Amino acid sequence: MPHIRTVAPDEATGLLAQEYEKAVRRAGRVFNVIGIQGLNPPVLSASVKLYEALMLGPGPLGRDVREMLATVTSRELDCFY
């Protein structure tokens, strides 16, 4: 498996530290999907905003249905996340 360099939460500074702190508040820890984007904090920030817009934004589907669709799609594509 390839190794992707990441920045540990206790080594993060600036915008990355802020994003990691938000991740911990949201999910209790910094999951890998967040950490692998840590080398480019502006991209990480944009990615989180996109996720929140898709999962939490207004629309006819509730978050539970959106999460279920994401899970089924990931499974069908053999994607860990």
N, C-alpha and C. Protein backbone atom coordinates (compact mmCIF):
# COMPACT_ATOMS: atom_id res chain seq x y z
N MET A 1 0.85 -1.17 0.00
CA MET A 1 0.00 0.00 0.00
C MET A 1 0.89 1.24 0.00
N PRO A 2 0.57 2.24 -0.80
CA PRO A 2 1.38 3.46 -0.83
C PRO A 2 1.30 4.22 0.50
N HIS A 3 2.35 4.93 0.78
CA HIS A 3 2.38 5.76 1.98
C HIS A 3 2.15 7.21 1.58
N ILE A 4 1.22 7.84 2.25
CA ILE A 4 0.93 9.25 2.00
C ILE A 4 1.39 10.02 3.23
N ARG A 5 2.28 10.95 3.03
CA ARG A 5 2.77 11.76 4.14
C ARG A 5 1.63 12.63 4.67
N THR A 6 1.51 12.68 5.97
CA THR A 6 0.49 13.51 6.60
C THR A 6 1.13 14.33 7.72
N VAL A 7 0.38 15.28 8.20
CA VAL A 7 0.80 16.11 9.34
C VAL A 7 -0.02 15.65 10.54
N ALA A 8 0.65 15.21 11.57
CA ALA A 8 -0.03 14.77 12.78
C ALA A 8 -0.78 15.94 13.42
N PRO A 9 -1.90 15.67 14.05
CA PRO A 9 -2.67 16.76 14.68
C PRO A 9 -1.86 17.59 15.67
N ASP A 10 -0.96 16.96 16.42
CA ASP A 10 -0.18 17.73 17.40
C ASP A 10 0.95 18.53 16.75
N GLU A 11 1.17 18.35 15.44
CA GLU A 11 2.18 19.11 14.71
C GLU A 11 1.57 20.17 13.80
N ALA A 12 0.26 20.20 13.70
CA ALA A 12 -0.41 21.13 12.80
C ALA A 12 -0.37 22.55 13.35
N THR A 13 -0.27 23.52 12.42
CA THR A 13 -0.28 24.93 12.78
C THR A 13 -1.22 25.67 11.84
N GLY A 14 -1.58 26.87 12.21
CA GLY A 14 -2.36 27.75 11.34
C GLY A 14 -3.69 27.16 10.91
N LEU A 15 -4.00 27.32 9.61
CA LEU A 15 -5.27 26.85 9.07
C LEU A 15 -5.44 25.35 9.26
N LEU A 16 -4.37 24.59 9.11
CA LEU A 16 -4.48 23.14 9.29
C LEU A 16 -4.87 22.79 10.72
N ALA A 17 -4.27 23.45 11.69
CA ALA A 17 -4.64 23.21 13.08
C ALA A 17 -6.11 23.54 13.31
N GLN A 18 -6.59 24.62 12.71
CA GLN A 18 -8.01 24.98 12.84
C GLN A 18 -8.91 23.91 12.23
N GLU A 19 -8.54 23.40 11.05
CA GLU A 19 -9.34 22.36 10.39
C GLU A 19 -9.33 21.07 11.21
N TYR A 20 -8.18 20.71 11.76
CA TYR A 20 -8.09 19.52 12.60
C TYR A 20 -8.95 19.68 13.86
N GLU A 21 -8.92 20.87 14.46
CA GLU A 21 -9.75 21.11 15.65
C GLU A 21 -11.23 20.96 15.32
N LYS A 22 -11.64 21.47 14.16
CA LYS A 22 -13.04 21.32 13.74
C LYS A 22 -13.37 19.85 13.51
N ALA A 23 -12.43 19.10 12.94
CA ALA A 23 -12.65 17.67 12.70
C ALA A 23 -12.86 16.93 14.01
N VAL A 24 -12.06 17.27 15.01
CA VAL A 24 -12.20 16.62 16.32
C VAL A 24 -13.55 16.98 16.95
N ARG A 25 -13.97 18.22 16.82
CA ARG A 25 -15.29 18.61 17.35
C ARG A 25 -16.42 17.87 16.63
N ARG A 26 -16.26 17.69 15.32
CA ARG A 26 -17.28 17.02 14.51
C ARG A 26 -17.34 15.52 14.77
N ALA A 27 -16.16 14.89 14.80
CA ALA A 27 -16.13 13.43 14.75
C ALA A 27 -15.34 12.78 15.89
N GLY A 28 -14.76 13.60 16.77
CA GLY A 28 -14.01 13.03 17.88
C GLY A 28 -12.55 12.75 17.59
N ARG A 29 -12.17 12.81 16.33
CA ARG A 29 -10.77 12.60 15.95
C ARG A 29 -10.57 13.06 14.51
N VAL A 30 -9.32 13.05 14.07
CA VAL A 30 -8.99 13.42 12.69
C VAL A 30 -8.92 12.11 11.89
N PHE A 31 -9.93 11.85 11.10
CA PHE A 31 -9.95 10.64 10.28
C PHE A 31 -8.97 10.78 9.12
N ASN A 32 -8.53 9.64 8.58
CA ASN A 32 -7.54 9.62 7.49
C ASN A 32 -7.97 10.46 6.30
N VAL A 33 -9.26 10.43 5.97
CA VAL A 33 -9.73 11.18 4.80
C VAL A 33 -9.47 12.68 4.96
N ILE A 34 -9.40 13.15 6.19
CA ILE A 34 -9.06 14.54 6.48
C ILE A 34 -7.53 14.71 6.48
N GLY A 35 -6.85 13.81 7.16
CA GLY A 35 -5.40 13.91 7.30
C GLY A 35 -4.64 13.88 5.98
N ILE A 36 -5.13 13.09 5.01
CA ILE A 36 -4.39 13.01 3.75
C ILE A 36 -4.48 14.30 2.94
N GLN A 37 -5.42 15.17 3.31
CA GLN A 37 -5.52 16.47 2.64
C GLN A 37 -4.77 17.56 3.39
N GLY A 38 -4.15 17.19 4.50
CA GLY A 38 -3.52 18.16 5.38
C GLY A 38 -2.34 18.90 4.82
N LEU A 39 -1.71 18.37 3.78
CA LEU A 39 -0.57 19.08 3.20
C LEU A 39 -1.00 20.31 2.41
N ASN A 40 -2.29 20.42 2.15
CA ASN A 40 -2.82 21.57 1.42
C ASN A 40 -4.07 22.07 2.17
N PRO A 41 -3.87 22.80 3.27
CA PRO A 41 -4.99 23.23 4.10
C PRO A 41 -6.11 23.98 3.37
N PRO A 42 -5.82 24.85 2.39
CA PRO A 42 -6.94 25.49 1.68
C PRO A 42 -7.82 24.48 0.93
N VAL A 43 -7.20 23.46 0.36
CA VAL A 43 -7.97 22.41 -0.33
C VAL A 43 -8.78 21.61 0.69
N LEU A 44 -8.18 21.29 1.83
CA LEU A 44 -8.89 20.59 2.89
C LEU A 44 -10.12 21.40 3.32
N SER A 45 -9.93 22.68 3.54
CA SER A 45 -11.03 23.54 3.96
C SER A 45 -12.16 23.54 2.92
N ALA A 46 -11.79 23.66 1.65
CA ALA A 46 -12.79 23.64 0.57
C ALA A 46 -13.49 22.30 0.49
N SER A 47 -12.75 21.23 0.70
CA SER A 47 -13.32 19.88 0.66
C SER A 47 -14.35 19.69 1.77
N VAL A 48 -14.03 20.15 2.95
CA VAL A 48 -14.97 20.04 4.08
C VAL A 48 -16.22 20.87 3.80
N LYS A 49 -16.04 22.05 3.25
CA LYS A 49 -17.20 22.89 2.93
C LYS A 49 -18.09 22.23 1.88
N LEU A 50 -17.47 21.58 0.88
CA LEU A 50 -18.25 20.87 -0.12
C LEU A 50 -19.01 19.72 0.51
N TYR A 51 -18.35 18.94 1.34
CA TYR A 51 -19.00 17.83 2.03
C TYR A 51 -20.20 18.33 2.86
N GLU A 52 -19.98 19.40 3.62
CA GLU A 52 -21.07 19.94 4.45
C GLU A 52 -22.23 20.44 3.59
N ALA A 53 -21.93 21.07 2.47
CA ALA A 53 -22.99 21.55 1.58
C ALA A 53 -23.79 20.38 1.02
N LEU A 54 -23.10 19.31 0.64
CA LEU A 54 -23.78 18.15 0.08
C LEU A 54 -24.57 17.38 1.12
N MET A 55 -24.02 17.22 2.30
CA MET A 55 -24.66 16.38 3.31
C MET A 55 -25.62 17.14 4.24
N LEU A 56 -25.37 18.42 4.43
CA LEU A 56 -26.17 19.17 5.40
C LEU A 56 -27.03 20.26 4.77
N GLY A 57 -26.80 20.55 3.49
CA GLY A 57 -27.52 21.63 2.82
C GLY A 57 -28.98 21.28 2.59
N PRO A 58 -29.75 22.26 2.20
CA PRO A 58 -31.17 22.02 1.96
C PRO A 58 -31.37 21.08 0.78
N GLY A 59 -32.47 20.38 0.81
CA GLY A 59 -32.80 19.46 -0.28
C GLY A 59 -33.85 18.47 0.16
N PRO A 60 -34.35 17.68 -0.78
CA PRO A 60 -35.44 16.76 -0.46
C PRO A 60 -35.00 15.53 0.34
N LEU A 61 -33.69 15.25 0.39
CA LEU A 61 -33.21 14.08 1.12
C LEU A 61 -32.64 14.48 2.46
N GLY A 62 -32.95 13.69 3.47
CA GLY A 62 -32.37 13.92 4.79
C GLY A 62 -30.93 13.45 4.83
N ARG A 63 -30.22 13.84 5.87
CA ARG A 63 -28.82 13.45 5.98
C ARG A 63 -28.68 11.94 6.05
N ASP A 64 -29.61 11.27 6.74
CA ASP A 64 -29.50 9.82 6.85
C ASP A 64 -29.54 9.14 5.48
N VAL A 65 -30.41 9.62 4.59
CA VAL A 65 -30.51 9.06 3.25
C VAL A 65 -29.25 9.39 2.45
N ARG A 66 -28.75 10.59 2.59
CA ARG A 66 -27.53 10.99 1.88
C ARG A 66 -26.35 10.13 2.32
N GLU A 67 -26.23 9.90 3.63
CA GLU A 67 -25.14 9.06 4.14
C GLU A 67 -25.29 7.62 3.64
N MET A 68 -26.53 7.13 3.60
CA MET A 68 -26.77 5.78 3.12
C MET A 68 -26.37 5.66 1.64
N LEU A 69 -26.73 6.65 0.84
CA LEU A 69 -26.35 6.64 -0.57
C LEU A 69 -24.84 6.68 -0.74
N ALA A 70 -24.17 7.47 0.06
CA ALA A 70 -22.70 7.54 0.00
C ALA A 70 -22.09 6.20 0.38
N THR A 71 -22.64 5.55 1.40
CA THR A 71 -22.14 4.26 1.85
C THR A 71 -22.33 3.19 0.78
N VAL A 72 -23.52 3.14 0.21
CA VAL A 72 -23.80 2.14 -0.84
C VAL A 72 -22.91 2.37 -2.06
N THR A 73 -22.74 3.63 -2.44
CA THR A 73 -21.89 3.94 -3.58
C THR A 73 -20.45 3.53 -3.31
N SER A 74 -19.95 3.84 -2.13
CA SER A 74 -18.58 3.45 -1.76
C SER A 74 -18.41 1.94 -1.80
N ARG A 75 -19.39 1.24 -1.28
CA ARG A 75 -19.33 -0.23 -1.28
C ARG A 75 -19.32 -0.78 -2.70
N GLU A 76 -20.18 -0.25 -3.53
CA GLU A 76 -20.25 -0.73 -4.92
C GLU A 76 -18.94 -0.47 -5.66
N LEU A 77 -18.24 0.58 -5.29
CA LEU A 77 -16.98 0.93 -5.94
C LEU A 77 -15.76 0.35 -5.22
N ASP A 78 -16.03 -0.50 -4.21
CA ASP A 78 -14.96 -1.08 -3.39
C ASP A 78 -14.06 -0.02 -2.78
N CYS A 79 -14.66 1.07 -2.35
CA CYS A 79 -13.94 2.18 -1.73
C CYS A 79 -14.07 2.09 -0.22
N PHE A 80 -12.95 2.15 0.48
CA PHE A 80 -12.96 2.07 1.93
C PHE A 80 -13.81 3.15 2.57
N TYR A 81 -13.76 4.37 1.99
CA TYR A 81 -14.52 5.48 2.55
C TYR A 81 -15.88 5.55 1.92
